[in-house]
Amino acid sequence: AVGINAEYGGFSFACSPALVTSLKGSDNTTLGIKMQNYQLQAYNVIDSSFAESMQCVNWISKGAWMGVTTGLLMVVVLVLSVMMLMSVSTPDRFESSKSKCLIIPHEH
């Protein structure tokens, strides 16, 4: 039986910058873990070697993310405002000098 696999030959995740995790104890001692140049691969390990790796760097900068989210917000506001404008309808009756006065009841 042939299985369907989403990965082609495996995929691993590598990080070269240091990763520091620390915990502070009750007696002011600090316990930390520092990892440098590590690589992880969860599945499709062939012959105990890593597959092609993806570096853990940011693909999109913070400024680009801000631009994308601001642009999406502006598009949402534009779409909502156009929908509101399209839902405006004209009155069914108009007041003219020859017809009876138009009275619009209102509540206080």
PDB file of N, CA and C in Angstrom:
ATOM      1  N   ALA A   1       0.850  -1.177   0.000  1.00  0.00           N
ATOM      2  CA  ALA A   1       0.000   0.000   0.000  1.00  0.00           C
ATOM      3  C   ALA A   1       0.894   1.238   0.000  1.00  0.00           C
ATOM      4  N   VAL A   2       0.510   2.195  -0.795  1.00  0.00           N
ATOM      5  CA  VAL A   2       1.270   3.440  -0.900  1.00  0.00           C
ATOM      6  C   VAL A   2       0.593   4.479  -0.030  1.00  0.00           C
ATOM      7  N   GLY A   3       1.336   5.068   0.900  1.00  0.00           N
ATOM      8  CA  GLY A   3       0.792   6.091   1.787  1.00  0.00           C
ATOM      9  C   GLY A   3       0.962   7.483   1.202  1.00  0.00           C
ATOM     10  N   ILE A   4       0.086   8.363   1.572  1.00  0.00           N
ATOM     11  CA  ILE A   4       0.176   9.756   1.143  1.00  0.00           C
ATOM     12  C   ILE A   4       0.969  10.513   2.197  1.00  0.00           C
ATOM     13  N   ASN A   5       2.005  11.211   1.762  1.00  0.00           N
ATOM     14  CA  ASN A   5       2.874  11.932   2.679  1.00  0.00           C
ATOM     15  C   ASN A   5       2.939  13.389   2.255  1.00  0.00           C
ATOM     16  N   ALA A   6       2.724  14.312   3.206  1.00  0.00           N
ATOM     17  CA  ALA A   6       2.730  15.732   2.886  1.00  0.00           C
ATOM     18  C   ALA A   6       4.147  16.258   2.692  1.00  0.00           C
ATOM     19  N   GLU A   7       5.116  15.640   3.299  1.00  0.00           N
ATOM     20  CA  GLU A   7       6.494  16.113   3.216  1.00  0.00           C
ATOM     21  C   GLU A   7       7.244  15.323   2.153  1.00  0.00           C
ATOM     22  N   TYR A   8       8.083  15.997   1.427  1.00  0.00           N
ATOM     23  CA  TYR A   8       8.924  15.336   0.430  1.00  0.00           C
ATOM     24  C   TYR A   8      10.313  15.158   1.009  1.00  0.00           C
ATOM     25  N   GLY A   9      10.649  13.990   1.457  1.00  0.00           N
ATOM     26  CA  GLY A   9      11.969  13.696   1.970  1.00  0.00           C
ATOM     27  C   GLY A   9      12.249  14.242   3.356  1.00  0.00           C
ATOM     28  N   GLY A  10      11.276  14.748   4.060  1.00  0.00           N
ATOM     29  CA  GLY A  10      11.481  15.257   5.405  1.00  0.00           C
ATOM     30  C   GLY A  10      11.785  16.749   5.418  1.00  0.00           C
ATOM     31  N   PHE A  11      11.710  17.306   6.586  1.00  0.00           N
ATOM     32  CA  PHE A  11      11.940  18.734   6.767  1.00  0.00           C
ATOM     33  C   PHE A  11      12.374  18.967   8.195  1.00  0.00           C
ATOM     34  N   SER A  12      13.400  19.776   8.384  1.00  0.00           N
ATOM     35  CA  SER A  12      13.868  20.042   9.735  1.00  0.00           C
ATOM     36  C   SER A  12      13.917  21.543   9.993  1.00  0.00           C
ATOM     37  N   PHE A  13      13.988  21.888  11.259  1.00  0.00           N
ATOM     38  CA  PHE A  13      13.981  23.274  11.715  1.00  0.00           C
ATOM     39  C   PHE A  13      15.282  23.515  12.456  1.00  0.00           C
ATOM     40  N   ALA A  14      16.064  24.516  12.018  1.00  0.00           N
ATOM     41  CA  ALA A  14      17.363  24.785  12.639  1.00  0.00           C
ATOM     42  C   ALA A  14      17.434  26.219  13.121  1.00  0.00           C
ATOM     43  N   CYS A  15      18.104  26.422  14.238  1.00  0.00           N
ATOM     44  CA  CYS A  15      18.296  27.759  14.795  1.00  0.00           C
ATOM     45  C   CYS A  15      19.747  27.917  15.183  1.00  0.00           C
ATOM     46  N   SER A  16      20.372  28.989  14.702  1.00  0.00           N
ATOM     47  CA  SER A  16      21.745  29.242  15.105  1.00  0.00           C
ATOM     48  C   SER A  16      21.857  30.287  16.210  1.00  0.00           C
ATOM     49  N   PRO A  17      20.924  31.233  16.364  1.00  0.00           N
ATOM     50  CA  PRO A  17      21.059  32.140  17.507  1.00  0.00           C
ATOM     51  C   PRO A  17      20.765  31.414  18.820  1.00  0.00           C
ATOM     52  N   ALA A  18      21.270  31.985  19.895  1.00  0.00           N
ATOM     53  CA  ALA A  18      21.101  31.363  21.206  1.00  0.00           C
ATOM     54  C   ALA A  18      19.664  31.506  21.684  1.00  0.00           C
ATOM     55  N   LEU A  19      19.155  30.475  22.309  1.00  0.00           N
ATOM     56  CA  LEU A  19      17.832  30.486  22.915  1.00  0.00           C
ATOM     57  C   LEU A  19      18.032  30.320  24.409  1.00  0.00           C
ATOM     58  N   VAL A  20      17.599  31.304  25.169  1.00  0.00           N
ATOM     59  CA  VAL A  20      17.804  31.264  26.612  1.00  0.00           C
ATOM     60  C   VAL A  20      16.456  31.211  27.309  1.00  0.00           C
ATOM     61  N   THR A  21      16.297  30.216  28.175  1.00  0.00           N
ATOM     62  CA  THR A  21      15.114  30.104  29.009  1.00  0.00           C
ATOM     63  C   THR A  21      15.589  30.036  30.446  1.00  0.00           C
ATOM     64  N   SER A  22      15.024  30.884  31.290  1.00  0.00           N
ATOM     65  CA  SER A  22      15.492  30.882  32.671  1.00  0.00           C
ATOM     66  C   SER A  22      14.313  30.927  33.635  1.00  0.00           C
ATOM     67  N   LEU A  23      14.519  30.339  34.780  1.00  0.00           N
ATOM     68  CA  LEU A  23      13.540  30.342  35.862  1.00  0.00           C
ATOM     69  C   LEU A  23      14.220  30.882  37.113  1.00  0.00           C
ATOM     70  N   LYS A  24      13.519  31.685  37.861  1.00  0.00           N
ATOM     71  CA  LYS A  24      14.077  32.237  39.094  1.00  0.00           C
ATOM     72  C   LYS A  24      13.503  31.452  40.267  1.00  0.00           C
ATOM     73  N   GLY A  25      14.371  30.943  41.104  1.00  0.00           N
ATOM     74  CA  GLY A  25      13.953  30.170  42.259  1.00  0.00           C
ATOM     75  C   GLY A  25      13.553  31.046  43.425  1.00  0.00           C
ATOM     76  N   SER A  26      13.046  30.420  44.477  1.00  0.00           N
ATOM     77  CA  SER A  26      12.591  31.168  45.651  1.00  0.00           C
ATOM     78  C   SER A  26      13.759  31.758  46.435  1.00  0.00           C
ATOM     79  N   ASP A  27      14.942  31.170  46.321  1.00  0.00           N
ATOM     80  CA  ASP A  27      16.105  31.687  47.045  1.00  0.00           C
ATOM     81  C   ASP A  27      17.018  32.521  46.140  1.00  0.00           C
ATOM     82  N   ASN A  28      16.420  33.228  45.142  1.00  0.00           N
ATOM     83  CA  ASN A  28      17.111  34.114  44.205  1.00  0.00           C
ATOM     84  C   ASN A  28      18.177  33.413  43.369  1.00  0.00           C
ATOM     85  N   THR A  29      18.024  32.143  43.125  1.00  0.00           N
ATOM     86  CA  THR A  29      18.908  31.441  42.206  1.00  0.00           C
ATOM     87  C   THR A  29      18.231  31.365  40.847  1.00  0.00           C
ATOM     88  N   THR A  30      19.033  31.395  39.823  1.00  0.00           N
ATOM     89  CA  THR A  30      18.510  31.356  38.464  1.00  0.00           C
ATOM     90  C   THR A  30      18.957  30.068  37.791  1.00  0.00           C
ATOM     91  N   LEU A  31      17.994  29.357  37.239  1.00  0.00           N
ATOM     92  CA  LEU A  31      18.270  28.132  36.507  1.00  0.00           C
ATOM     93  C   LEU A  31      17.946  28.416  35.045  1.00  0.00           C
ATOM     94  N   GLY A  32      18.894  28.169  34.158  1.00  0.00           N
ATOM     95  CA  GLY A  32      18.662  28.501  32.759  1.00  0.00           C
ATOM     96  C   GLY A  32      19.121  27.424  31.809  1.00  0.00           C
ATOM     97  N   ILE A  33      18.574  27.465  30.614  1.00  0.00           N
ATOM     98  CA  ILE A  33      18.948  26.555  29.539  1.00  0.00           C
ATOM     99  C   ILE A  33      19.347  27.415  28.345  1.00  0.00           C
ATOM    100  N   LYS A  34      20.518  27.150  27.795  1.00  0.00           N
ATOM    101  CA  LYS A  34      21.000  27.892  26.646  1.00  0.00           C
ATOM    102  C   LYS A  34      21.333  26.897  25.545  1.00  0.00           C
ATOM    103  N   MET A  35      20.707  27.071  24.397  1.00  0.00           N
ATOM    104  CA  MET A  35      20.920  26.157  23.285  1.00  0.00           C
ATOM    105  C   MET A  35      21.450  26.950  22.097  1.00  0.00           C
ATOM    106  N   GLN A  36      22.525  26.464  21.486  1.00  0.00           N
ATOM    107  CA  GLN A  36      23.079  27.110  20.313  1.00  0.00           C
ATOM    108  C   GLN A  36      23.217  26.083  19.194  1.00  0.00           C
ATOM    109  N   ASN A  37      22.961  26.525  17.992  1.00  0.00           N
ATOM    110  CA  ASN A  37      23.107  25.696  16.793  1.00  0.00           C
ATOM    111  C   ASN A  37      22.386  24.349  16.917  1.00  0.00           C
ATOM    112  N   TYR A  38      21.108  24.420  17.227  1.00  0.00           N
ATOM    113  CA  TYR A  38      20.337  23.179  17.354  1.00  0.00           C
ATOM    114  C   TYR A  38      19.468  22.978  16.123  1.00  0.00           C
ATOM    115  N   GLN A  39      19.072  21.729  15.892  1.00  0.00           N
ATOM    116  CA  GLN A  39      18.250  21.391  14.741  1.00  0.00           C
ATOM    117  C   GLN A  39      17.260  20.315  15.177  1.00  0.00           C
ATOM    118  N   LEU A  40      16.001  20.473  14.774  1.00  0.00           N
ATOM    119  CA  LEU A  40      14.945  19.542  15.150  1.00  0.00           C
ATOM    120  C   LEU A  40      14.284  18.973  13.899  1.00  0.00           C
ATOM    121  N   GLN A  41      13.933  17.696  13.962  1.00  0.00           N
ATOM    122  CA  GLN A  41      13.159  17.064  12.905  1.00  0.00           C
ATOM    123  C   GLN A  41      12.248  16.039  13.557  1.00  0.00           C
ATOM    124  N   ALA A  42      10.953  16.222  13.387  1.00  0.00           N
ATOM    125  CA  ALA A  42       9.988  15.396  14.103  1.00  0.00           C
ATOM    126  C   ALA A  42       9.726  14.051  13.430  1.00  0.00           C
ATOM    127  N   TYR A  43       9.773  13.987  12.102  1.00  0.00           N
ATOM    128  CA  TYR A  43       9.428  12.752  11.405  1.00  0.00           C
ATOM    129  C   TYR A  43      10.200  12.671  10.095  1.00  0.00           C
ATOM    130  N   ASN A  44      10.098  11.534   9.429  1.00  0.00           N
ATOM    131  CA  ASN A  44      10.809  11.231   8.181  1.00  0.00           C
ATOM    132  C   ASN A  44      12.318  11.320   8.334  1.00  0.00           C
ATOM    133  N   VAL A  45      12.846  10.833   9.443  1.00  0.00           N
ATOM    134  CA  VAL A  45      14.297  10.781   9.640  1.00  0.00           C
ATOM    135  C   VAL A  45      14.817   9.560   8.898  1.00  0.00           C
ATOM    136  N   ILE A  46      15.746   9.805   7.981  1.00  0.00           N
ATOM    137  CA  ILE A  46      16.281   8.718   7.164  1.00  0.00           C
ATOM    138  C   ILE A  46      17.763   8.561   7.483  1.00  0.00           C
ATOM    139  N   ASP A  47      18.180   7.368   7.853  1.00  0.00           N
ATOM    140  CA  ASP A  47      19.586   7.034   8.162  1.00  0.00           C
ATOM    141  C   ASP A  47      20.166   7.934   9.243  1.00  0.00           C
ATOM    142  N   SER A  48      19.393   8.293  10.241  1.00  0.00           N
ATOM    143  CA  SER A  48      19.830   9.113  11.378  1.00  0.00           C
ATOM    144  C   SER A  48      20.466  10.430  10.955  1.00  0.00           C
ATOM    145  N   SER A  49      20.008  11.016   9.851  1.00  0.00           N
ATOM    146  CA  SER A  49      20.538  12.312   9.411  1.00  0.00           C
ATOM    147  C   SER A  49      19.374  13.261   9.146  1.00  0.00           C
ATOM    148  N   PHE A  50      19.656  14.543   9.311  1.00  0.00           N
ATOM    149  CA  PHE A  50      18.640  15.560   9.120  1.00  0.00           C
ATOM    150  C   PHE A  50      18.382  15.813   7.639  1.00  0.00           C
ATOM    151  N   ALA A  51      17.169  16.227   7.342  1.00  0.00           N
ATOM    152  CA  ALA A  51      16.818  16.629   5.984  1.00  0.00           C
ATOM    153  C   ALA A  51      17.127  18.117   5.824  1.00  0.00           C
ATOM    154  N   GLU A  52      16.718  18.678   4.710  1.00  0.00           N
ATOM    155  CA  GLU A  52      16.925  20.109   4.461  1.00  0.00           C
ATOM    156  C   GLU A  52      16.293  20.922   5.586  1.00  0.00           C
ATOM    157  N   SER A  53      16.996  21.940   6.043  1.00  0.00           N
ATOM    158  CA  SER A  53      16.510  22.675   7.209  1.00  0.00           C
ATOM    159  C   SER A  53      16.002  24.059   6.837  1.00  0.00           C
ATOM    160  N   MET A  54      15.097  24.554   7.661  1.00  0.00           N
ATOM    161  CA  MET A  54      14.567  25.910   7.549  1.00  0.00           C
ATOM    162  C   MET A  54      15.088  26.690   8.734  1.00  0.00           C
ATOM    163  N   GLN A  55      15.749  27.813   8.488  1.00  0.00           N
ATOM    164  CA  GLN A  55      16.299  28.627   9.571  1.00  0.00           C
ATOM    165  C   GLN A  55      15.180  29.384  10.282  1.00  0.00           C
ATOM    166  N   CYS A  56      15.349  29.623  11.560  1.00  0.00           N
ATOM    167  CA  CYS A  56      14.314  30.281  12.350  1.00  0.00           C
ATOM    168  C   CYS A  56      14.505  31.802  12.341  1.00  0.00           C
ATOM    169  N   VAL A  57      14.471  32.375  11.180  1.00  0.00           N
ATOM    170  CA  VAL A  57      14.565  33.825  11.037  1.00  0.00           C
ATOM    171  C   VAL A  57      13.185  34.353  10.659  1.00  0.00           C
ATOM    172  N   ASN A  58      12.965  35.619  10.907  1.00  0.00           N
ATOM    173  CA  ASN A  58      11.680  36.217  10.541  1.00  0.00           C
ATOM    174  C   ASN A  58      11.592  36.370   9.033  1.00  0.00           C
ATOM    175  N   TRP A  59      10.514  35.889   8.456  1.00  0.00           N
ATOM    176  CA  TRP A  59      10.316  36.020   7.025  1.00  0.00           C
ATOM    177  C   TRP A  59       9.786  37.408   6.682  1.00  0.00           C
ATOM    178  N   ILE A  60       8.964  37.949   7.556  1.00  0.00           N
ATOM    179  CA  ILE A  60       8.382  39.270   7.332  1.00  0.00           C
ATOM    180  C   ILE A  60       8.704  40.120   8.557  1.00  0.00           C
ATOM    181  N   SER A  61       9.179  41.339   8.330  1.00  0.00           N
ATOM    182  CA  SER A  61       9.552  42.208   9.442  1.00  0.00           C
ATOM    183  C   SER A  61       8.315  42.741  10.159  1.00  0.00           C
ATOM    184  N   LYS A  62       8.533  43.339  11.334  1.00  0.00           N
ATOM    185  CA  LYS A  62       7.420  43.892  12.108  1.00  0.00           C
ATOM    186  C   LYS A  62       6.735  45.018  11.354  1.00  0.00           C
ATOM    187  N   GLY A  63       7.518  45.845  10.671  1.00  0.00           N
ATOM    188  CA  GLY A  63       6.936  46.933   9.893  1.00  0.00           C
ATOM    189  C   GLY A  63       6.060  46.437   8.755  1.00  0.00           C
ATOM    190  N   ALA A  64       6.484  45.363   8.103  1.00  0.00           N
ATOM    191  CA  ALA A  64       5.665  44.796   7.021  1.00  0.00           C
ATOM    192  C   ALA A  64       4.369  44.222   7.573  1.00  0.00           C
ATOM    193  N   TRP A  65       4.436  43.549   8.740  1.00  0.00           N
ATOM    194  CA  TRP A  65       3.209  43.026   9.359  1.00  0.00           C
ATOM    195  C   TRP A  65       2.266  44.163   9.726  1.00  0.00           C
ATOM    196  N   MET A  66       2.831  45.276  10.228  1.00  0.00           N
ATOM    197  CA  MET A  66       1.991  46.426  10.564  1.00  0.00           C
ATOM    198  C   MET A  66       1.320  46.973   9.312  1.00  0.00           C
ATOM    199  N   GLY A  67       2.048  47.024   8.205  1.00  0.00           N
ATOM    200  CA  GLY A  67       1.475  47.490   6.948  1.00  0.00           C
ATOM    201  C   GLY A  67       0.377  46.579   6.437  1.00  0.00           C
ATOM    202  N   VAL A  68       0.598  45.270   6.538  1.00  0.00           N
ATOM    203  CA  VAL A  68      -0.411  44.305   6.078  1.00  0.00           C
ATOM    204  C   VAL A  68      -1.676  44.407   6.923  1.00  0.00           C
ATOM    205  N   THR A  69      -1.530  44.442   8.247  1.00  0.00           N
ATOM    206  CA  THR A  69      -2.718  44.513   9.112  1.00  0.00           C
ATOM    207  C   THR A  69      -3.444  45.849   8.948  1.00  0.00           C
ATOM    208  N   THR A  70      -2.696  46.945   8.797  1.00  0.00           N
ATOM    209  CA  THR A  70      -3.334  48.242   8.577  1.00  0.00           C
ATOM    210  C   THR A  70      -4.068  48.257   7.245  1.00  0.00           C
ATOM    211  N   GLY A  71      -3.458  47.700   6.225  1.00  0.00           N
ATOM    212  CA  GLY A  71      -4.112  47.624   4.919  1.00  0.00           C
ATOM    213  C   GLY A  71      -5.385  46.796   4.967  1.00  0.00           C
ATOM    214  N   LEU A  72      -5.330  45.640   5.658  1.00  0.00           N
ATOM    215  CA  LEU A  72      -6.532  44.809   5.781  1.00  0.00           C
ATOM    216  C   LEU A  72      -7.630  45.532   6.554  1.00  0.00           C
ATOM    217  N   LEU A  73      -7.253  46.246   7.617  1.00  0.00           N
ATOM    218  CA  LEU A  73      -8.229  47.011   8.378  1.00  0.00           C
ATOM    219  C   LEU A  73      -8.876  48.092   7.512  1.00  0.00           C
ATOM    220  N   MET A  74      -8.072  48.771   6.696  1.00  0.00           N
ATOM    221  CA  MET A  74      -8.619  49.814   5.822  1.00  0.00           C
ATOM    222  C   MET A  74      -9.547  49.228   4.758  1.00  0.00           C
ATOM    223  N   VAL A  75      -9.211  48.061   4.239  1.00  0.00           N
ATOM    224  CA  VAL A  75     -10.081  47.405   3.253  1.00  0.00           C
ATOM    225  C   VAL A  75     -11.403  47.013   3.901  1.00  0.00           C
ATOM    226  N   VAL A  76     -11.361  46.491   5.131  1.00  0.00           N
ATOM    227  CA  VAL A  76     -12.597  46.121   5.840  1.00  0.00           C
ATOM    228  C   VAL A  76     -13.470  47.350   6.058  1.00  0.00           C
ATOM    229  N   VAL A  77     -12.855  48.465   6.490  1.00  0.00           N
ATOM    230  CA  VAL A  77     -13.617  49.703   6.699  1.00  0.00           C
ATOM    231  C   VAL A  77     -14.205  50.185   5.379  1.00  0.00           C
ATOM    232  N   LEU A  78     -13.440  50.117   4.299  1.00  0.00           N
ATOM    233  CA  LEU A  78     -13.943  50.541   2.988  1.00  0.00           C
ATOM    234  C   LEU A  78     -15.116  49.687   2.542  1.00  0.00           C
ATOM    235  N   VAL A  79     -15.006  48.372   2.691  1.00  0.00           N
ATOM    236  CA  VAL A  79     -16.095  47.474   2.279  1.00  0.00           C
ATOM    237  C   VAL A  79     -17.349  47.733   3.109  1.00  0.00           C
ATOM    238  N   LEU A  80     -17.182  47.887   4.426  1.00  0.00           N
ATOM    239  CA  LEU A  80     -18.341  48.160   5.269  1.00  0.00           C
ATOM    240  C   LEU A  80     -18.988  49.496   4.916  1.00  0.00           C
ATOM    241  N   SER A  81     -18.179  50.514   4.653  1.00  0.00           N
ATOM    242  CA  SER A  81     -18.753  51.816   4.313  1.00  0.00           C
ATOM    243  C   SER A  81     -19.465  51.781   2.969  1.00  0.00           C
ATOM    244  N   VAL A  82     -18.934  51.078   1.988  1.00  0.00           N
ATOM    245  CA  VAL A  82     -19.622  50.946   0.699  1.00  0.00           C
ATOM    246  C   VAL A  82     -20.916  50.174   0.863  1.00  0.00           C
ATOM    247  N   MET A  83     -20.923  49.135   1.693  1.00  0.00           N
ATOM    248  CA  MET A  83     -22.160  48.389   1.941  1.00  0.00           C
ATOM    249  C   MET A  83     -23.203  49.283   2.608  1.00  0.00           C
ATOM    250  N   MET A  84     -22.778  50.133   3.544  1.00  0.00           N
ATOM    251  CA  MET A  84     -23.715  51.051   4.188  1.00  0.00           C
ATOM    252  C   MET A  84     -24.273  52.059   3.191  1.00  0.00           C
ATOM    253  N   LEU A  85     -23.417  52.580   2.326  1.00  0.00           N
ATOM    254  CA  LEU A  85     -23.883  53.535   1.318  1.00  0.00           C
ATOM    255  C   LEU A  85     -24.842  52.885   0.327  1.00  0.00           C
ATOM    256  N   MET A  86     -24.600  51.638  -0.015  1.00  0.00           N
ATOM    257  CA  MET A  86     -25.481  50.953  -0.964  1.00  0.00           C
ATOM    258  C   MET A  86     -26.837  50.614  -0.347  1.00  0.00           C
ATOM    259  N   SER A  87     -26.917  50.557   0.976  1.00  0.00           N
ATOM    260  CA  SER A  87     -28.191  50.232   1.611  1.00  0.00           C
ATOM    261  C   SER A  87     -29.070  51.461   1.818  1.00  0.00           C
ATOM    262  N   VAL A  88     -28.567  52.664   1.514  1.00  0.00           N
ATOM    263  CA  VAL A  88     -29.384  53.875   1.648  1.00  0.00           C
ATOM    264  C   VAL A  88     -30.434  53.873   0.548  1.00  0.00           C
ATOM    265  N   SER A  89     -31.683  54.098   0.940  1.00  0.00           N
ATOM    266  CA  SER A  89     -32.765  54.121  -0.055  1.00  0.00           C
ATOM    267  C   SER A  89     -33.474  55.476  -0.015  1.00  0.00           C
ATOM    268  N   THR A  90     -34.062  55.829  -1.131  1.00  0.00           N
ATOM    269  CA  THR A  90     -34.800  57.096  -1.210  1.00  0.00           C
ATOM    270  C   THR A  90     -36.183  56.908  -0.600  1.00  0.00           C
ATOM    271  N   PRO A  91     -36.800  57.997  -0.146  1.00  0.00           N
ATOM    272  CA  PRO A  91     -38.144  57.881   0.424  1.00  0.00           C
ATOM    273  C   PRO A  91     -39.165  57.451  -0.633  1.00  0.00           C
ATOM    274  N   ASP A  92     -40.222  56.791  -0.164  1.00  0.00           N
ATOM    275  CA  ASP A  92     -41.269  56.335  -1.083  1.00  0.00           C
ATOM    276  C   ASP A  92     -42.143  57.498  -1.548  1.00  0.00           C
ATOM    277  N   ARG A  93     -42.367  58.474  -0.683  1.00  0.00           N
ATOM    278  CA  ARG A  93     -43.229  59.603  -1.020  1.00  0.00           C
ATOM    279  C   ARG A  93     -42.447  60.895  -0.881  1.00  0.00           C
ATOM    280  N   PHE A  94     -42.766  61.852  -1.744  1.00  0.00           N
ATOM    281  CA  PHE A  94     -42.130  63.155  -1.691  1.00  0.00           C
ATOM    282  C   PHE A  94     -43.195  64.205  -1.466  1.00  0.00           C
ATOM    283  N   GLU A  95     -42.804  65.295  -0.859  1.00  0.00           N
ATOM    284  CA  GLU A  95     -43.717  66.403  -0.591  1.00  0.00           C
ATOM    285  C   GLU A  95     -43.745  67.323  -1.813  1.00  0.00           C
ATOM    286  N   SER A  96     -44.925  67.683  -2.262  1.00  0.00           N
ATOM    287  CA  SER A  96     -45.043  68.645  -3.361  1.00  0.00           C
ATOM    288  C   SER A  96     -46.052  69.721  -2.971  1.00  0.00           C
ATOM    289  N   SER A  97     -46.050  70.819  -3.707  1.00  0.00           N
ATOM    290  CA  SER A  97     -46.926  71.939  -3.358  1.00  0.00           C
ATOM    291  C   SER A  97     -48.397  71.631  -3.634  1.00  0.00           C
ATOM    292  N   LYS A  98     -48.706  70.720  -4.522  1.00  0.00           N
ATOM    293  CA  LYS A  98     -50.092  70.415  -4.879  1.00  0.00           C
ATOM    294  C   LYS A  98     -50.701  69.315  -4.014  1.00  0.00           C
ATOM    295  N   SER A  99     -49.866  68.530  -3.376  1.00  0.00           N
ATOM    296  CA  SER A  99     -50.405  67.424  -2.588  1.00  0.00           C
ATOM    297  C   SER A  99     -50.497  67.806  -1.117  1.00  0.00           C
ATOM    298  N   LYS A 100     -51.133  66.917  -0.383  1.00  0.00           N
ATOM    299  CA  LYS A 100     -51.269  67.110   1.050  1.00  0.00           C
ATOM    300  C   LYS A 100     -49.897  67.048   1.723  1.00  0.00           C
ATOM    301  N   CYS A 101     -49.703  67.772   2.800  1.00  0.00           N
ATOM    302  CA  CYS A 101     -48.403  67.819   3.488  1.00  0.00           C
ATOM    303  C   CYS A 101     -48.035  66.429   3.993  1.00  0.00           C
ATOM    304  N   LEU A 102     -46.786  66.137   3.891  1.00  0.00           N
ATOM    305  CA  LEU A 102     -46.268  64.850   4.367  1.00  0.00           C
ATOM    306  C   LEU A 102     -45.975  64.974   5.850  1.00  0.00           C
ATOM    307  N   ILE A 103     -46.605  64.112   6.640  1.00  0.00           N
ATOM    308  CA  ILE A 103     -46.425  64.143   8.095  1.00  0.00           C
ATOM    309  C   ILE A 103     -45.706  62.850   8.478  1.00  0.00           C
ATOM    310  N   ILE A 104     -44.584  63.036   9.156  1.00  0.00           N
ATOM    311  CA  ILE A 104     -43.794  61.897   9.617  1.00  0.00           C
ATOM    312  C   ILE A 104     -43.938  61.817  11.130  1.00  0.00           C
ATOM    313  N   PRO A 105     -44.617  60.805  11.636  1.00  0.00           N
ATOM    314  CA  PRO A 105     -44.785  60.706  13.088  1.00  0.00           C
ATOM    315  C   PRO A 105     -43.465  60.282  13.752  1.00  0.00           C
ATOM    316  N   HIS A 106     -43.294  60.771  14.955  1.00  0.00           N
ATOM    317  CA  HIS A 106     -42.107  60.389  15.722  1.00  0.00           C
ATOM    318  C   HIS A 106     -42.490  60.267  17.200  1.00  0.00           C
ATOM    319  N   GLU A 107     -41.697  59.506  17.921  1.00  0.00           N
ATOM    320  CA  GLU A 107     -41.947  59.313  19.345  1.00  0.00           C
ATOM    321  C   GLU A 107     -40.973  60.109  20.153  1.00  0.00           C
ATOM    322  N   HIS A 108     -41.398  60.527  21.337  1.00  0.00           N
ATOM    323  CA  HIS A 108     -40.506  61.321  22.206  1.00  0.00           C
ATOM    324  C   HIS A 108     -39.758  60.435  23.117  1.00  0.00           C
TER     325      HIS A 108
END
